[in-house]
């Protein structure tokens, strides 16, 4: 996923997150789905929330911290880290 796609998704999510009530794990699942289309990412989303405590915690985590979570590879760490930077922009 390119940075521009991540930035676009971040903007859409920022605009719509207050309109739909979802769990924090579901938000992370949505983001992970763009890295792993058509795969079950529920367990990984829960692992990330458990490790970092919140959506902000996941999105503010460093690449190395994300990569240290079991099941997170380079593409997930890179994408979540880029998404976190895009949300701040």
Protein backbone atom coordinates (compact mmCIF):
# COMPACT_ATOMS: atom_id res chain seq x y z
CA UNK A 1 0.00 0.00 0.00
CA UNK A 2 1.41 3.36 -1.01
CA UNK A 3 1.66 6.30 1.37
CA UNK A 4 -0.97 8.26 -0.62
CA UNK A 5 -3.44 5.38 -0.23
CA UNK A 6 -2.71 5.24 3.50
CA UNK A 7 -3.15 9.01 3.82
CA UNK A 8 -6.46 8.82 1.96
CA UNK A 9 -7.68 6.00 4.20
CA UNK A 10 -6.55 7.94 7.28
CA UNK A 11 -8.55 10.97 6.18
CA UNK A 12 -11.66 8.88 5.51
CA UNK A 13 -11.31 7.17 8.86
CA UNK A 14 -10.86 10.49 10.70
CA UNK A 15 -13.99 11.87 9.00
CA UNK A 16 -16.17 8.84 9.67
CA UNK A 17 -14.97 7.35 12.95
CA UNK A 18 -17.38 9.42 15.04
CA UNK A 19 -20.32 8.42 12.86
CA UNK A 20 -20.03 4.69 13.39
CA UNK A 21 -19.56 3.00 16.73
CA UNK A 22 -16.89 0.34 16.41
CA UNK A 23 -14.51 -1.34 18.81
CA UNK A 24 -10.87 -0.31 18.82
CA UNK A 25 -9.88 -3.79 17.66
CA UNK A 26 -12.23 -3.40 14.69
CA UNK A 27 -10.50 -0.19 13.61
CA UNK A 28 -7.13 -1.96 13.67
CA UNK A 29 -8.69 -4.91 11.82
CA UNK A 30 -9.83 -2.52 9.10
CA UNK A 31 -6.32 -1.16 8.72
CA UNK A 32 -4.79 -4.64 8.70
CA UNK A 33 -7.28 -5.77 6.07
CA UNK A 34 -5.64 -3.37 3.61
CA UNK A 35 -2.31 -5.11 4.20
CA UNK A 36 -3.80 -8.65 4.23
CA UNK A 37 -6.89 -8.57 1.99
CA UNK A 38 -9.33 -11.46 2.43
CA UNK A 39 -7.53 -12.81 5.49
CA UNK A 40 -8.67 -13.06 9.09
CA UNK A 41 -6.71 -10.40 10.99
CA UNK A 42 -8.84 -10.46 14.16
CA UNK A 43 -6.23 -12.15 16.38
CA UNK A 44 -3.47 -9.83 15.19
CA UNK A 45 -5.66 -6.77 15.82
CA UNK A 46 -6.35 -7.97 19.36
CA UNK A 47 -2.64 -8.66 19.94
CA UNK A 48 -1.78 -5.12 18.86
CA UNK A 49 -4.46 -3.53 21.05
CA UNK A 50 -3.39 -5.71 24.00
CA UNK A 51 0.24 -4.70 23.53
CA UNK A 52 -0.26 -0.95 22.93
CA UNK A 53 -3.52 -0.38 24.82
CA UNK A 54 -5.42 1.72 22.29
CA UNK A 55 -5.74 2.73 18.65
CA UNK A 56 -3.51 5.73 19.35
CA UNK A 57 -1.01 3.44 21.03
CA UNK A 58 -0.85 1.24 17.94
CA UNK A 59 -0.64 4.17 15.54
CA UNK A 60 2.00 5.97 17.62
CA UNK A 61 4.16 2.87 18.07
CA UNK A 62 7.53 2.81 16.40
CA UNK A 63 8.29 0.44 13.56
CA UNK A 64 10.52 -1.61 15.87
CA UNK A 65 7.87 -1.86 18.59
CA UNK A 66 5.25 -2.94 16.05
CA UNK A 67 7.64 -5.47 14.52
CA UNK A 68 8.26 -6.99 17.95
CA UNK A 69 4.62 -8.18 18.16
CA UNK A 70 4.16 -11.84 17.18
CA UNK A 71 2.55 -11.97 13.73
CA UNK A 72 3.65 -8.50 12.66
CA UNK A 73 6.00 -8.58 9.72
CA UNK A 74 7.75 -5.81 7.84
CA UNK A 75 4.73 -4.92 5.70
CA UNK A 76 2.37 -4.59 8.69
CA UNK A 77 4.88 -2.60 10.77
CA UNK A 78 5.65 -0.32 7.83
CA UNK A 79 1.97 0.19 6.94
CA UNK A 80 0.76 0.88 10.49
CA UNK A 81 3.69 3.21 11.10
CA UNK A 82 2.95 5.11 7.87
CA UNK A 83 -0.75 5.21 8.70
CA UNK A 84 0.04 6.68 12.11
CA UNK A 85 2.16 9.39 10.51
CA UNK A 86 -0.59 10.13 7.97
CA UNK A 87 -3.21 10.54 10.70
CA UNK A 88 -1.01 13.14 12.41
CA UNK A 89 -0.59 15.14 9.18
